[in-house]
C-alpha atoms as a PDB file:
ATOM      1  CA  MET A   1     -17.679   4.194 -27.686  1.00  0.00           C
ATOM      2  CA  ILE A   2     -21.024   2.563 -27.123  1.00  0.00           C
ATOM      3  CA  GLY A   3     -20.960  -0.470 -24.854  1.00  0.00           C
ATOM      4  CA  ILE A   4     -17.726   0.358 -23.025  1.00  0.00           C
ATOM      5  CA  THR A   5     -18.147   0.558 -19.285  1.00  0.00           C
ATOM      6  CA  ILE A   6     -16.058   2.497 -16.805  1.00  0.00           C
ATOM      7  CA  TRP A   7     -14.346  -0.796 -15.897  1.00  0.00           C
ATOM      8  CA  GLY A   8     -13.543  -1.313 -19.554  1.00  0.00           C
ATOM      9  CA  LYS A   9     -11.927   2.084 -19.736  1.00  0.00           C
ATOM     10  CA  MET A  10      -9.954   1.698 -16.517  1.00  0.00           C
ATOM     11  CA  PHE A  11      -8.904  -1.925 -16.970  1.00  0.00           C
ATOM     12  CA  GLN A  12      -8.856  -2.425 -20.716  1.00  0.00           C
ATOM     13  CA  ARG A  13      -7.534  -5.970 -20.681  1.00  0.00           C
ATOM     14  CA  PHE A  14      -8.295  -6.951 -17.116  1.00  0.00           C
ATOM     15  CA  ASN A  15     -11.645  -6.747 -15.366  1.00  0.00           C
ATOM     16  CA  PRO A  16     -11.060  -7.375 -11.645  1.00  0.00           C
ATOM     17  CA  ILE A  17     -14.738  -7.956 -10.897  1.00  0.00           C
ATOM     18  CA  GLU A  18     -15.002 -10.670 -13.547  1.00  0.00           C
ATOM     19  CA  GLU A  19     -11.812 -12.284 -12.243  1.00  0.00           C
ATOM     20  CA  ILE A  20     -13.135 -12.356  -8.668  1.00  0.00           C
ATOM     21  CA  ILE A  21     -16.379 -13.910  -9.898  1.00  0.00           C
ATOM     22  CA  LYS A  22     -14.470 -16.547 -11.926  1.00  0.00           C
ATOM     23  CA  HIS A  23     -12.363 -17.368  -8.861  1.00  0.00           C
ATOM     24  CA  ALA A  24     -15.433 -17.689  -6.645  1.00  0.00           C
ATOM     25  CA  ARG A  25     -17.183 -19.978  -9.130  1.00  0.00           C
ATOM     26  CA  ILE A  26     -14.185 -22.284  -9.347  1.00  0.00           C
ATOM     27  CA  VAL A  27     -13.875 -22.435  -5.556  1.00  0.00           C
ATOM     28  CA  GLU A  28     -17.595 -23.183  -5.300  1.00  0.00           C
ATOM     29  CA  GLU A  29     -17.288 -25.964  -7.883  1.00  0.00           C
ATOM     30  CA  ALA A  30     -14.367 -27.506  -5.985  1.00  0.00           C
ATOM     31  CA  SER A  31     -16.271 -27.344  -2.701  1.00  0.00           C
ATOM     32  CA  ASP A  32     -19.229 -29.127  -4.294  1.00  0.00           C
ATOM     33  CA  TYR A  33     -17.071 -32.271  -4.440  1.00  0.00           C
ATOM     34  CA  LEU A  34     -16.309 -32.255  -0.702  1.00  0.00           C
ATOM     35  CA  PRO A  35     -19.407 -34.082   0.617  1.00  0.00           C
ATOM     36  CA  GLU A  36     -18.829 -36.966  -1.792  1.00  0.00           C
ATOM     37  CA  LEU A  37     -15.107 -36.950  -1.024  1.00  0.00           C
ATOM     38  CA  PHE A  38     -15.706 -37.261   2.728  1.00  0.00           C
ATOM     39  CA  GLU A  39     -18.393 -39.881   2.263  1.00  0.00           C
ATOM     40  CA  ARG A  40     -16.107 -42.040   0.131  1.00  0.00           C
ATOM     41  CA  TYR A  41     -13.156 -41.548   2.466  1.00  0.00           C
ATOM     42  CA  LEU A  42     -15.141 -42.482   5.573  1.00  0.00           C
ATOM     43  CA  ASN A  43     -16.525 -45.578   3.816  1.00  0.00           C
ATOM     44  CA  GLY A  44     -13.095 -46.720   2.641  1.00  0.00           C
ATOM     45  CA  LYS A  45     -13.823 -46.113  -1.045  1.00  0.00           C
ATOM     46  CA  PRO A  46     -11.277 -44.730  -3.531  1.00  0.00           C
ATOM     47  CA  ILE A  47     -11.041 -40.941  -3.686  1.00  0.00           C
ATOM     48  CA  ASP A  48      -8.210 -40.460  -6.194  1.00  0.00           C
ATOM     49  CA  ASP A  49     -10.471 -39.221  -9.002  1.00  0.00           C
ATOM     50  CA  LEU A  50     -12.117 -36.608  -6.789  1.00  0.00           C
ATOM     51  CA  VAL A  51      -8.784 -35.472  -5.368  1.00  0.00           C
ATOM     52  CA  LYS A  52      -7.495 -34.933  -8.925  1.00  0.00           C
ATOM     53  CA  LYS A  53     -10.594 -32.921  -9.893  1.00  0.00           C
ATOM     54  CA  ILE A  54     -10.371 -30.748  -6.771  1.00  0.00           C
ATOM     55  CA  ASP A  55      -6.628 -30.267  -7.229  1.00  0.00           C
ATOM     56  CA  LYS A  56      -7.118 -29.131 -10.846  1.00  0.00           C
ATOM     57  CA  LEU A  57      -9.821 -26.670  -9.823  1.00  0.00           C
ATOM     58  CA  GLU A  58      -7.618 -25.307  -7.022  1.00  0.00           C
ATOM     59  CA  ASP A  59      -4.795 -24.814  -9.527  1.00  0.00           C
ATOM     60  CA  ASP A  60      -7.156 -22.904 -11.827  1.00  0.00           C
ATOM     61  CA  ALA A  61      -8.320 -20.706  -8.943  1.00  0.00           C
ATOM     62  CA  ASP A  62      -4.706 -20.084  -7.903  1.00  0.00           C
ATOM     63  CA  ASP A  63      -3.842 -18.975 -11.448  1.00  0.00           C
ATOM     64  CA  ILE A  64      -6.620 -16.392 -11.356  1.00  0.00           C
ATOM     65  CA  LYS A  65      -5.520 -15.200  -7.915  1.00  0.00           C
ATOM     66  CA  ARG A  66      -1.889 -14.959  -9.054  1.00  0.00           C
ATOM     67  CA  ASN A  67      -2.872 -12.911 -12.130  1.00  0.00           C
ATOM     68  CA  PHE A  68      -5.032 -10.654  -9.971  1.00  0.00           C
ATOM     69  CA  ARG A  69      -2.157 -10.000  -7.574  1.00  0.00           C
ATOM     70  CA  GLN A  70       0.191  -9.222 -10.464  1.00  0.00           C
ATOM     71  CA  PHE A  71      -2.340  -6.758 -11.821  1.00  0.00           C
ATOM     72  CA  LEU A  72      -2.686  -5.079  -8.433  1.00  0.00           C
ATOM     73  CA  LYS A  73       1.073  -4.727  -8.069  1.00  0.00           C
ATOM     74  CA  LYS A  74       1.317  -3.040 -11.466  1.00  0.00           C
ATOM     75  CA  GLY A  75      -1.636  -0.766 -10.712  1.00  0.00           C
ATOM     76  CA  ILE A  76      -0.228   0.329  -7.379  1.00  0.00           C
ATOM     77  CA  TYR A  77       3.155   1.001  -8.944  1.00  0.00           C
ATOM     78  CA  ILE A  78       1.614   3.174 -11.635  1.00  0.00           C
ATOM     79  CA  VAL A  79      -0.412   5.154  -9.075  1.00  0.00           C
ATOM     80  CA  LEU A  80       2.594   5.695  -6.820  1.00  0.00           C
ATOM     81  CA  LYS A  81       4.851   6.557  -9.742  1.00  0.00           C
ATOM     82  CA  ASP A  82       2.452   9.277 -10.930  1.00  0.00           C
ATOM     83  CA  GLN A  83       2.006  10.887  -7.508  1.00  0.00           C
ATOM     84  CA  SER A  84       3.946  14.057  -6.826  1.00  0.00           C
ATOM     85  CA  TYR A  85       4.989  14.589  -3.241  1.00  0.00           C
END
């Protein structure tokens, strides 16, 4: 099993660290558009294209967050189910 990390063993199809990093990168990319968005808005220029780009990136970030939460719910359920009290 060369090349398999502890994360790979624990989360065979889902790597939470990678998902958090993906989410952060998307949020950072969306925030990069904000200075231009505000500049255009304050100067009365059209902002529709930037709003669409930011909205799409936010949707992508939300999808990652939603998948992460679903994973956590399943993981917690499995841990609680296996506990003996």
